[in-house]
Amino acid sequence: MPDDYPHLREEELESTQVFRGKLLDVRLDRVRLPDGADCLREYVRHQGAVVVIAQLDDGQLLFVRQHRYPLRRTILELPAGKIDAGEEIIDTATRELLEETGHQAAEWRYLGVMHPCVGYSDERIEIFLARGVRREAEPNLDSGEFLDVLSLSLEEALAAVKSGEITDAKTITGLFWAEKALLAGW
């Protein structure tokens, strides 16, 4: 997407890697602001992820429930996962749906992208709608990954957002897209 607002652009002058882990790459950059002053920016580089709105033939949507350590609680989410280096995003979506839920889809539709934490991360999450979803195998979870697979109607899921049971940004965004793609013909 072109930058139509050059008067707001910040120019990187220097970038320092503060920490590099399996998931996160923490940076401290010195930048030049639009007014010419220098400033420090802390942020996290992230390889990106996908989220899958998987619709079963009966109209129900697949969800996973898993403990999220940073929040110290169990969260209800749409299936999702990190993009591996060099991997096409549709391949990530297909792989994550199968690994997390044991399901495969006959039809895939790319819906869009969201940036969940623009103030401190460059993470992007690519959003897919999967239809003709059928159980093909048992979930094949990563080491240290534990989750439950369940299904909800779109109405039940939206009610869970309203009640505060669903608070995950990618899931809320995915449900916005699901509502528009499945009910409003987007």
N, C-alpha and C. Protein backbone atom coordinates (compact mmCIF):
# COMPACT_ATOMS: atom_id res chain seq x y z
N MET A 1 0.85 -1.17 0.00
CA MET A 1 0.00 0.00 0.00
C MET A 1 0.90 1.24 0.00
N PRO A 2 0.66 2.19 -0.90
CA PRO A 2 1.51 3.38 -0.98
C PRO A 2 1.37 4.26 0.27
N ASP A 3 2.44 4.97 0.57
CA ASP A 3 2.43 5.90 1.71
C ASP A 3 1.98 7.26 1.20
N ASP A 4 0.70 7.58 1.39
CA ASP A 4 0.13 8.83 0.92
C ASP A 4 0.30 9.97 1.92
N TYR A 5 1.04 9.74 2.98
CA TYR A 5 1.17 10.74 4.03
C TYR A 5 2.64 10.95 4.40
N PRO A 6 3.47 11.37 3.44
CA PRO A 6 4.91 11.52 3.73
C PRO A 6 5.20 12.53 4.84
N HIS A 7 4.29 13.44 5.09
CA HIS A 7 4.51 14.43 6.15
C HIS A 7 4.41 13.82 7.55
N LEU A 8 3.99 12.56 7.65
CA LEU A 8 3.90 11.86 8.93
C LEU A 8 4.98 10.78 9.08
N ARG A 9 5.75 10.53 8.05
CA ARG A 9 6.72 9.44 8.02
C ARG A 9 7.88 9.68 8.99
N GLU A 10 8.32 8.58 9.62
CA GLU A 10 9.51 8.60 10.47
C GLU A 10 10.60 7.81 9.77
N GLU A 11 11.82 8.32 9.78
CA GLU A 11 12.93 7.70 9.07
C GLU A 11 13.85 6.97 10.06
N GLU A 12 14.10 5.69 9.79
CA GLU A 12 15.02 4.92 10.64
C GLU A 12 16.44 5.42 10.43
N LEU A 13 17.11 5.73 11.54
CA LEU A 13 18.50 6.14 11.50
C LEU A 13 19.43 5.03 11.97
N GLU A 14 18.96 4.25 12.94
CA GLU A 14 19.77 3.19 13.52
C GLU A 14 18.83 2.17 14.16
N SER A 15 19.14 0.88 14.04
CA SER A 15 18.32 -0.17 14.62
C SER A 15 19.19 -1.11 15.44
N THR A 16 18.75 -1.40 16.67
CA THR A 16 19.49 -2.29 17.57
C THR A 16 18.58 -3.42 18.00
N GLN A 17 19.07 -4.64 17.87
CA GLN A 17 18.33 -5.79 18.37
C GLN A 17 18.60 -5.93 19.86
N VAL A 18 17.53 -5.83 20.68
CA VAL A 18 17.65 -5.89 22.12
C VAL A 18 17.53 -7.34 22.61
N PHE A 19 16.68 -8.12 21.94
CA PHE A 19 16.44 -9.52 22.32
C PHE A 19 15.96 -10.28 21.11
N ARG A 20 16.43 -11.51 20.97
CA ARG A 20 15.95 -12.39 19.90
C ARG A 20 15.61 -13.73 20.52
N GLY A 21 14.33 -14.11 20.45
CA GLY A 21 13.88 -15.39 20.96
C GLY A 21 13.29 -16.22 19.84
N LYS A 22 12.61 -17.29 20.22
CA LYS A 22 11.98 -18.17 19.23
C LYS A 22 10.81 -17.46 18.53
N LEU A 23 10.11 -16.61 19.25
CA LEU A 23 8.93 -15.92 18.73
C LEU A 23 9.18 -14.44 18.47
N LEU A 24 9.92 -13.78 19.35
CA LEU A 24 10.01 -12.32 19.31
C LEU A 24 11.41 -11.82 18.97
N ASP A 25 11.43 -10.72 18.27
CA ASP A 25 12.64 -9.98 17.94
C ASP A 25 12.39 -8.55 18.41
N VAL A 26 12.96 -8.18 19.56
CA VAL A 26 12.71 -6.87 20.15
C VAL A 26 13.76 -5.88 19.66
N ARG A 27 13.30 -4.73 19.20
CA ARG A 27 14.17 -3.71 18.61
C ARG A 27 14.08 -2.39 19.35
N LEU A 28 15.17 -1.64 19.30
CA LEU A 28 15.21 -0.25 19.76
C LEU A 28 15.83 0.54 18.62
N ASP A 29 15.03 1.36 17.97
CA ASP A 29 15.49 2.14 16.82
C ASP A 29 15.54 3.63 17.16
N ARG A 30 16.53 4.27 16.57
CA ARG A 30 16.59 5.74 16.62
C ARG A 30 16.03 6.21 15.29
N VAL A 31 15.05 7.11 15.35
CA VAL A 31 14.37 7.59 14.15
C VAL A 31 14.38 9.11 14.10
N ARG A 32 14.24 9.62 12.88
CA ARG A 32 14.06 11.06 12.68
C ARG A 32 12.57 11.30 12.48
N LEU A 33 12.02 12.19 13.30
CA LEU A 33 10.60 12.53 13.24
C LEU A 33 10.33 13.53 12.12
N PRO A 34 9.08 13.71 11.74
CA PRO A 34 8.75 14.66 10.66
C PRO A 34 9.24 16.08 10.92
N ASP A 35 9.36 16.47 12.19
CA ASP A 35 9.83 17.83 12.50
C ASP A 35 11.36 17.93 12.56
N GLY A 36 12.07 16.81 12.26
CA GLY A 36 13.52 16.80 12.24
C GLY A 36 14.18 16.35 13.53
N ALA A 37 13.41 16.22 14.60
CA ALA A 37 13.97 15.76 15.88
C ALA A 37 14.21 14.25 15.84
N ASP A 38 15.13 13.78 16.68
CA ASP A 38 15.38 12.35 16.82
C ASP A 38 14.56 11.81 17.99
N CYS A 39 14.22 10.53 17.90
CA CYS A 39 13.40 9.88 18.92
C CYS A 39 13.75 8.39 18.93
N LEU A 40 13.51 7.72 20.07
CA LEU A 40 13.70 6.28 20.16
C LEU A 40 12.35 5.58 20.04
N ARG A 41 12.33 4.46 19.31
CA ARG A 41 11.13 3.65 19.15
C ARG A 41 11.46 2.22 19.54
N GLU A 42 10.70 1.68 20.50
CA GLU A 42 10.80 0.27 20.89
C GLU A 42 9.68 -0.47 20.21
N TYR A 43 10.01 -1.64 19.65
CA TYR A 43 8.96 -2.43 19.01
C TYR A 43 9.39 -3.87 18.86
N VAL A 44 8.41 -4.72 18.55
CA VAL A 44 8.63 -6.14 18.36
C VAL A 44 8.42 -6.48 16.89
N ARG A 45 9.42 -7.14 16.31
CA ARG A 45 9.25 -7.67 14.95
C ARG A 45 8.68 -9.08 15.08
N HIS A 46 7.75 -9.40 14.20
CA HIS A 46 7.05 -10.68 14.27
C HIS A 46 6.89 -11.22 12.86
N GLN A 47 7.03 -12.53 12.68
CA GLN A 47 6.99 -13.13 11.35
C GLN A 47 5.59 -13.17 10.75
N GLY A 48 4.57 -12.82 11.52
CA GLY A 48 3.21 -12.83 11.00
C GLY A 48 2.50 -14.13 11.32
N ALA A 49 1.20 -14.11 11.14
CA ALA A 49 0.37 -15.25 11.49
C ALA A 49 -0.87 -15.26 10.59
N VAL A 50 -1.63 -16.33 10.72
CA VAL A 50 -2.92 -16.44 10.04
C VAL A 50 -3.97 -16.76 11.09
N VAL A 51 -5.22 -16.41 10.77
CA VAL A 51 -6.37 -16.84 11.56
C VAL A 51 -7.38 -17.42 10.57
N VAL A 52 -8.03 -18.52 10.98
CA VAL A 52 -8.94 -19.23 10.09
C VAL A 52 -10.35 -19.24 10.66
N ILE A 53 -11.28 -18.73 9.87
CA ILE A 53 -12.71 -18.83 10.17
C ILE A 53 -13.16 -20.10 9.45
N ALA A 54 -13.26 -21.18 10.19
CA ALA A 54 -13.57 -22.49 9.60
C ALA A 54 -15.03 -22.82 9.83
N GLN A 55 -15.80 -22.85 8.73
CA GLN A 55 -17.23 -23.11 8.82
C GLN A 55 -17.54 -24.55 8.45
N LEU A 56 -18.15 -25.25 9.39
CA LEU A 56 -18.59 -26.63 9.16
C LEU A 56 -19.84 -26.62 8.27
N ASP A 57 -20.21 -27.76 7.72
CA ASP A 57 -21.37 -27.84 6.83
C ASP A 57 -22.67 -27.44 7.52
N ASP A 58 -22.74 -27.61 8.85
CA ASP A 58 -23.95 -27.22 9.58
C ASP A 58 -23.97 -25.73 9.95
N GLY A 59 -22.97 -24.98 9.49
CA GLY A 59 -22.91 -23.55 9.75
C GLY A 59 -22.11 -23.17 10.99
N GLN A 60 -21.81 -24.13 11.85
CA GLN A 60 -21.02 -23.86 13.05
C GLN A 60 -19.59 -23.47 12.66
N LEU A 61 -18.95 -22.69 13.52
CA LEU A 61 -17.56 -22.28 13.33
C LEU A 61 -16.68 -23.01 14.33
N LEU A 62 -15.48 -23.40 13.88
CA LEU A 62 -14.54 -24.08 14.77
C LEU A 62 -13.78 -23.07 15.62
N PHE A 63 -13.59 -23.43 16.88
CA PHE A 63 -12.82 -22.63 17.84
C PHE A 63 -11.87 -23.54 18.59
N VAL A 64 -10.86 -22.93 19.17
CA VAL A 64 -9.98 -23.63 20.10
C VAL A 64 -9.98 -22.87 21.41
N ARG A 65 -9.83 -23.62 22.47
CA ARG A 65 -9.72 -23.02 23.80
C ARG A 65 -8.36 -23.44 24.34
N GLN A 66 -7.54 -22.43 24.71
CA GLN A 66 -6.23 -22.75 25.24
C GLN A 66 -5.78 -21.73 26.26
N HIS A 67 -4.90 -22.17 27.13
CA HIS A 67 -4.36 -21.30 28.16
C HIS A 67 -3.33 -20.37 27.52
N ARG A 68 -3.44 -19.09 27.80
CA ARG A 68 -2.48 -18.10 27.30
C ARG A 68 -1.73 -17.55 28.50
N TYR A 69 -0.50 -17.99 28.64
CA TYR A 69 0.29 -17.69 29.83
C TYR A 69 0.41 -16.19 30.14
N PRO A 70 0.67 -15.32 29.15
CA PRO A 70 0.80 -13.90 29.50
C PRO A 70 -0.43 -13.33 30.22
N LEU A 71 -1.61 -13.85 29.91
CA LEU A 71 -2.84 -13.38 30.54
C LEU A 71 -3.20 -14.20 31.78
N ARG A 72 -2.52 -15.35 31.93
CA ARG A 72 -2.79 -16.26 33.06
C ARG A 72 -4.24 -16.73 33.06
N ARG A 73 -4.77 -16.97 31.84
CA ARG A 73 -6.14 -17.48 31.74
C ARG A 73 -6.34 -18.23 30.43
N THR A 74 -7.42 -18.97 30.38
CA THR A 74 -7.78 -19.73 29.19
C THR A 74 -8.63 -18.85 28.28
N ILE A 75 -8.32 -18.89 27.00
CA ILE A 75 -8.92 -17.99 26.01
C ILE A 75 -9.62 -18.82 24.93
N LEU A 76 -10.77 -18.35 24.48
CA LEU A 76 -11.51 -18.94 23.36
C LEU A 76 -11.12 -18.18 22.10
N GLU A 77 -10.62 -18.91 21.09
CA GLU A 77 -10.06 -18.28 19.89
C GLU A 77 -10.43 -19.06 18.63
N LEU A 78 -10.35 -18.38 17.50
CA LEU A 78 -10.37 -19.06 16.21
C LEU A 78 -9.02 -19.73 16.01
N PRO A 79 -8.95 -20.82 15.25
CA PRO A 79 -7.66 -21.45 14.97
C PRO A 79 -6.72 -20.46 14.28
N ALA A 80 -5.45 -20.51 14.68
CA ALA A 80 -4.48 -19.55 14.15
C ALA A 80 -3.07 -20.07 14.39
N GLY A 81 -2.11 -19.45 13.73
CA GLY A 81 -0.72 -19.82 13.97
C GLY A 81 0.25 -18.99 13.17
N LYS A 82 1.52 -19.12 13.54
CA LYS A 82 2.60 -18.36 12.93
C LYS A 82 2.92 -18.84 11.52
N ILE A 83 3.32 -17.89 10.69
CA ILE A 83 3.79 -18.16 9.34
C ILE A 83 5.26 -18.57 9.44
N ASP A 84 5.59 -19.74 8.91
CA ASP A 84 6.98 -20.18 8.88
C ASP A 84 7.73 -19.42 7.79
N ALA A 85 9.03 -19.26 7.97
CA ALA A 85 9.86 -18.54 7.00
C ALA A 85 9.69 -19.16 5.61
N GLY A 86 9.40 -18.32 4.62
CA GLY A 86 9.26 -18.76 3.25
C GLY A 86 7.94 -19.45 2.91
N GLU A 87 7.05 -19.57 3.88
CA GLU A 87 5.79 -20.29 3.68
C GLU A 87 4.72 -19.35 3.10
N GLU A 88 3.97 -19.85 2.13
CA GLU A 88 2.84 -19.10 1.59
C GLU A 88 1.74 -19.07 2.66
N ILE A 89 1.02 -17.95 2.75
CA ILE A 89 0.04 -17.81 3.83
C ILE A 89 -1.10 -18.82 3.73
N ILE A 90 -1.49 -19.22 2.52
CA ILE A 90 -2.54 -20.23 2.39
C ILE A 90 -2.04 -21.57 2.93
N ASP A 91 -0.75 -21.84 2.76
CA ASP A 91 -0.18 -23.08 3.29
C ASP A 91 -0.16 -23.04 4.82
N THR A 92 0.12 -21.87 5.39
CA THR A 92 0.08 -21.72 6.85
C THR A 92 -1.34 -21.98 7.35
N ALA A 93 -2.32 -21.38 6.69
CA ALA A 93 -3.72 -21.54 7.11
C ALA A 93 -4.14 -23.01 7.04
N THR A 94 -3.80 -23.69 5.96
CA THR A 94 -4.14 -25.10 5.79
C THR A 94 -3.47 -25.94 6.87
N ARG A 95 -2.18 -25.69 7.09
CA ARG A 95 -1.42 -26.44 8.09
C ARG A 95 -1.96 -26.22 9.49
N GLU A 96 -2.21 -24.97 9.86
CA GLU A 96 -2.67 -24.67 11.22
C GLU A 96 -4.06 -25.25 11.49
N LEU A 97 -4.96 -25.17 10.51
CA LEU A 97 -6.30 -25.75 10.70
C LEU A 97 -6.19 -27.26 10.96
N LEU A 98 -5.38 -27.93 10.17
CA LEU A 98 -5.21 -29.38 10.34
C LEU A 98 -4.51 -29.70 11.66
N GLU A 99 -3.41 -29.00 11.97
CA GLU A 99 -2.67 -29.29 13.20
C GLU A 99 -3.50 -29.05 14.45
N GLU A 100 -4.19 -27.90 14.49
CA GLU A 100 -4.91 -27.53 15.72
C GLU A 100 -6.24 -28.25 15.88
N THR A 101 -6.92 -28.54 14.77
CA THR A 101 -8.28 -29.08 14.87
C THR A 101 -8.46 -30.45 14.23
N GLY A 102 -7.53 -30.88 13.39
CA GLY A 102 -7.70 -32.13 12.66
C GLY A 102 -8.64 -32.00 11.47
N HIS A 103 -8.96 -30.77 11.07
CA HIS A 103 -9.90 -30.54 9.97
C HIS A 103 -9.17 -30.01 8.72
N GLN A 104 -9.78 -30.31 7.58
CA GLN A 104 -9.33 -29.76 6.30
C GLN A 104 -10.53 -29.09 5.63
N ALA A 105 -10.24 -28.18 4.71
CA ALA A 105 -11.30 -27.43 4.03
C ALA A 105 -11.25 -27.67 2.53
N ALA A 106 -12.42 -27.71 1.92
CA ALA A 106 -12.53 -27.87 0.47
C ALA A 106 -12.39 -26.53 -0.24
N GLU A 107 -12.73 -25.44 0.46
CA GLU A 107 -12.76 -24.11 -0.17
C GLU A 107 -12.11 -23.10 0.76
N TRP A 108 -11.22 -22.30 0.18
CA TRP A 108 -10.52 -21.25 0.95
C TRP A 108 -10.76 -19.90 0.30
N ARG A 109 -10.96 -18.89 1.12
CA ARG A 109 -11.13 -17.52 0.63
C ARG A 109 -10.32 -16.58 1.51
N TYR A 110 -9.45 -15.81 0.89
CA TYR A 110 -8.68 -14.81 1.61
C TYR A 110 -9.58 -13.60 1.86
N LEU A 111 -9.64 -13.13 3.11
CA LEU A 111 -10.51 -12.00 3.44
C LEU A 111 -9.75 -10.69 3.65
N GLY A 112 -8.60 -10.73 4.27
CA GLY A 112 -7.87 -9.49 4.52
C GLY A 112 -6.79 -9.68 5.56
N VAL A 113 -6.29 -8.56 6.04
CA VAL A 113 -5.20 -8.58 7.02
C VAL A 113 -5.55 -7.65 8.16
N MET A 114 -5.06 -7.97 9.34
CA MET A 114 -5.21 -7.06 10.49
C MET A 114 -3.85 -6.93 11.16
N HIS A 115 -3.64 -5.80 11.82
CA HIS A 115 -2.43 -5.53 12.59
C HIS A 115 -2.86 -5.34 14.04
N PRO A 116 -2.64 -6.34 14.89
CA PRO A 116 -3.23 -6.32 16.23
C PRO A 116 -2.61 -5.35 17.23
N CYS A 117 -1.36 -4.97 17.02
CA CYS A 117 -0.65 -4.19 18.06
C CYS A 117 0.20 -3.10 17.41
N VAL A 118 -0.39 -2.20 16.66
CA VAL A 118 0.37 -1.24 15.84
C VAL A 118 1.26 -0.30 16.64
N GLY A 119 1.00 -0.15 17.92
CA GLY A 119 1.82 0.74 18.74
C GLY A 119 3.16 0.15 19.15
N TYR A 120 3.29 -1.21 19.09
CA TYR A 120 4.56 -1.79 19.53
C TYR A 120 4.97 -3.04 18.76
N SER A 121 4.30 -3.35 17.64
CA SER A 121 4.69 -4.53 16.89
C SER A 121 4.34 -4.36 15.41
N ASP A 122 5.14 -5.02 14.55
CA ASP A 122 4.83 -5.03 13.12
C ASP A 122 4.04 -6.27 12.72
N GLU A 123 3.54 -7.01 13.72
CA GLU A 123 2.79 -8.25 13.43
C GLU A 123 1.60 -7.99 12.52
N ARG A 124 1.42 -8.92 11.59
CA ARG A 124 0.24 -8.92 10.74
C ARG A 124 -0.42 -10.27 10.88
N ILE A 125 -1.75 -10.30 10.79
CA ILE A 125 -2.47 -11.57 10.83
C ILE A 125 -3.36 -11.61 9.60
N GLU A 126 -3.09 -12.60 8.75
CA GLU A 126 -3.83 -12.79 7.50
C GLU A 126 -5.09 -13.60 7.82
N ILE A 127 -6.25 -13.16 7.31
CA ILE A 127 -7.54 -13.73 7.67
C ILE A 127 -8.10 -14.56 6.51
N PHE A 128 -8.46 -15.81 6.82
CA PHE A 128 -9.02 -16.72 5.81
C PHE A 128 -10.36 -17.26 6.26
N LEU A 129 -11.24 -17.46 5.28
CA LEU A 129 -12.50 -18.18 5.48
C LEU A 129 -12.34 -19.54 4.84
N ALA A 130 -12.60 -20.59 5.61
CA ALA A 130 -12.52 -21.96 5.11
C ALA A 130 -13.92 -22.57 5.16
N ARG A 131 -14.35 -23.16 4.04
CA ARG A 131 -15.67 -23.79 3.98
C ARG A 131 -15.52 -25.22 3.48
N GLY A 132 -16.59 -25.99 3.65
CA GLY A 132 -16.50 -27.41 3.33
C GLY A 132 -15.51 -28.08 4.26
N VAL A 133 -15.57 -27.70 5.52
CA VAL A 133 -14.60 -28.16 6.52
C VAL A 133 -15.05 -29.50 7.09
N ARG A 134 -14.13 -30.47 7.06
CA ARG A 134 -14.42 -31.81 7.56
C ARG A 134 -13.26 -32.33 8.40
N ARG A 135 -13.62 -33.10 9.40
CA ARG A 135 -12.62 -33.72 10.28
C ARG A 135 -11.90 -34.82 9.50
N GLU A 136 -10.57 -34.74 9.46
CA GLU A 136 -9.76 -35.71 8.73
C GLU A 136 -8.83 -36.51 9.63
N ALA A 137 -8.50 -35.95 10.81
CA ALA A 137 -7.52 -36.61 11.68
C ALA A 137 -7.65 -36.04 13.09
N GLU A 138 -6.89 -36.60 13.98
CA GLU A 138 -6.77 -36.02 15.32
C GLU A 138 -5.88 -34.79 15.22
N PRO A 139 -6.08 -33.79 16.07
CA PRO A 139 -5.15 -32.66 16.08
C PRO A 139 -3.71 -33.15 16.31
N ASN A 140 -2.76 -32.46 15.71
CA ASN A 140 -1.35 -32.79 15.83
C ASN A 140 -0.64 -31.56 16.41
N LEU A 141 -0.71 -31.41 17.72
CA LEU A 141 -0.27 -30.20 18.38
C LEU A 141 1.24 -30.14 18.54
N ASP A 142 1.75 -28.90 18.59
CA ASP A 142 3.16 -28.68 18.86
C ASP A 142 3.50 -29.13 20.27
N SER A 143 4.75 -29.41 20.52
CA SER A 143 5.20 -29.74 21.86
C SER A 143 4.87 -28.58 22.80
N GLY A 144 4.26 -28.87 23.93
CA GLY A 144 3.89 -27.84 24.88
C GLY A 144 2.58 -27.14 24.57
N GLU A 145 1.88 -27.57 23.54
CA GLU A 145 0.60 -26.96 23.15
C GLU A 145 -0.54 -27.87 23.59
N PHE A 146 -1.50 -27.31 24.30
CA PHE A 146 -2.66 -28.06 24.78
C PHE A 146 -3.89 -27.22 24.48
N LEU A 147 -4.91 -27.83 23.89
CA LEU A 147 -6.12 -27.07 23.59
C LEU A 147 -7.31 -27.99 23.42
N ASP A 148 -8.50 -27.40 23.54
CA ASP A 148 -9.76 -28.07 23.25
C ASP A 148 -10.27 -27.52 21.92
N VAL A 149 -10.90 -28.37 21.13
CA VAL A 149 -11.55 -27.97 19.89
C VAL A 149 -13.05 -28.00 20.13
N LEU A 150 -13.75 -26.94 19.73
CA LEU A 150 -15.20 -26.88 19.89
C LEU A 150 -15.79 -26.07 18.75
N SER A 151 -17.10 -26.12 18.63
CA SER A 151 -17.77 -25.34 17.59
C SER A 151 -18.89 -24.52 18.22
N LEU A 152 -19.10 -23.36 17.62
CA LEU A 152 -20.16 -22.43 18.04
C LEU A 152 -20.83 -21.88 16.79
N SER A 153 -22.07 -21.51 16.91
CA SER A 153 -22.71 -20.78 15.82
C SER A 153 -22.12 -19.37 15.81
N LEU A 154 -22.28 -18.68 14.69
CA LEU A 154 -21.83 -17.30 14.62
C LEU A 154 -22.53 -16.46 15.68
N GLU A 155 -23.80 -16.69 15.89
CA GLU A 155 -24.56 -15.94 16.90
C GLU A 155 -24.02 -16.18 18.30
N GLU A 156 -23.71 -17.44 18.62
CA GLU A 156 -23.13 -17.76 19.93
C GLU A 156 -21.77 -17.10 20.11
N ALA A 157 -20.96 -17.09 19.05
CA ALA A 157 -19.64 -16.48 19.11
C ALA A 157 -19.74 -14.97 19.31
N LEU A 158 -20.66 -14.32 18.58
CA LEU A 158 -20.84 -12.88 18.75
C LEU A 158 -21.35 -12.55 20.15
N ALA A 159 -22.22 -13.40 20.69
CA ALA A 159 -22.69 -13.21 22.07
C ALA A 159 -21.53 -13.35 23.06
N ALA A 160 -20.58 -14.26 22.75
CA ALA A 160 -19.40 -14.43 23.61
C ALA A 160 -18.49 -13.20 23.56
N VAL A 161 -18.45 -12.51 22.43
CA VAL A 161 -17.71 -11.25 22.35
C VAL A 161 -18.42 -10.22 23.23
N LYS A 162 -19.72 -10.12 23.06
CA LYS A 162 -20.50 -9.12 23.82
C LYS A 162 -20.40 -9.35 25.32
N SER A 163 -20.38 -10.60 25.76
CA SER A 163 -20.33 -10.90 27.20
C SER A 163 -18.92 -10.79 27.78
N GLY A 164 -17.92 -10.67 26.91
CA GLY A 164 -16.54 -10.59 27.38
C GLY A 164 -15.84 -11.93 27.47
N GLU A 165 -16.50 -13.01 27.06
CA GLU A 165 -15.84 -14.32 27.06
C GLU A 165 -14.76 -14.38 25.99
N ILE A 166 -15.03 -13.81 24.82
CA ILE A 166 -14.02 -13.71 23.76
C ILE A 166 -13.45 -12.31 23.80
N THR A 167 -12.13 -12.22 24.06
CA THR A 167 -11.45 -10.92 24.11
C THR A 167 -10.26 -10.86 23.16
N ASP A 168 -9.93 -11.96 22.52
CA ASP A 168 -8.79 -12.05 21.61
C ASP A 168 -9.05 -11.21 20.36
N ALA A 169 -8.12 -10.31 20.03
CA ALA A 169 -8.30 -9.37 18.93
C ALA A 169 -8.46 -10.05 17.58
N LYS A 170 -7.64 -11.07 17.31
CA LYS A 170 -7.75 -11.73 16.00
C LYS A 170 -9.07 -12.45 15.85
N THR A 171 -9.60 -12.98 16.95
CA THR A 171 -10.89 -13.67 16.91
C THR A 171 -12.02 -12.67 16.73
N ILE A 172 -11.98 -11.56 17.44
CA ILE A 172 -13.01 -10.54 17.28
C ILE A 172 -13.00 -10.00 15.85
N THR A 173 -11.82 -9.72 15.32
CA THR A 173 -11.72 -9.25 13.93
C THR A 173 -12.21 -10.33 12.97
N GLY A 174 -11.82 -11.58 13.21
CA GLY A 174 -12.29 -12.67 12.37
C GLY A 174 -13.79 -12.80 12.38
N LEU A 175 -14.40 -12.61 13.55
CA LEU A 175 -15.87 -12.71 13.64
C LEU A 175 -16.55 -11.53 12.93
N PHE A 176 -15.93 -10.36 12.95
CA PHE A 176 -16.44 -9.23 12.16
C PHE A 176 -16.47 -9.63 10.68
N TRP A 177 -15.35 -10.19 10.20
CA TRP A 177 -15.28 -10.63 8.81
C TRP A 177 -16.27 -11.75 8.53
N ALA A 178 -16.38 -12.70 9.46
CA ALA A 178 -17.32 -13.82 9.28
C ALA A 178 -18.74 -13.31 9.12
N GLU A 179 -19.11 -12.38 9.97
CA GLU A 179 -20.46 -11.81 9.90
C GLU A 179 -20.70 -11.16 8.54
N LYS A 180 -19.72 -10.42 8.06
CA LYS A 180 -19.88 -9.74 6.77
C LYS A 180 -19.83 -10.73 5.60
N ALA A 181 -18.89 -11.67 5.63
CA ALA A 181 -18.73 -12.61 4.52
C ALA A 181 -19.85 -13.63 4.45
N LEU A 182 -20.33 -14.08 5.62
CA LEU A 182 -21.35 -15.12 5.63
C LEU A 182 -22.77 -14.58 5.58
N LEU A 183 -23.00 -13.42 6.17
CA LEU A 183 -24.38 -12.90 6.24
C LEU A 183 -24.64 -11.73 5.31
N ALA A 184 -23.64 -10.90 5.05
CA ALA A 184 -23.86 -9.69 4.28
C ALA A 184 -23.33 -9.80 2.85
N GLY A 185 -22.75 -10.94 2.49
CA GLY A 185 -22.31 -11.15 1.13
C GLY A 185 -21.05 -10.43 0.73
N TRP A 186 -20.24 -10.04 1.68
CA TRP A 186 -18.99 -9.37 1.31
C TRP A 186 -18.10 -10.32 0.55
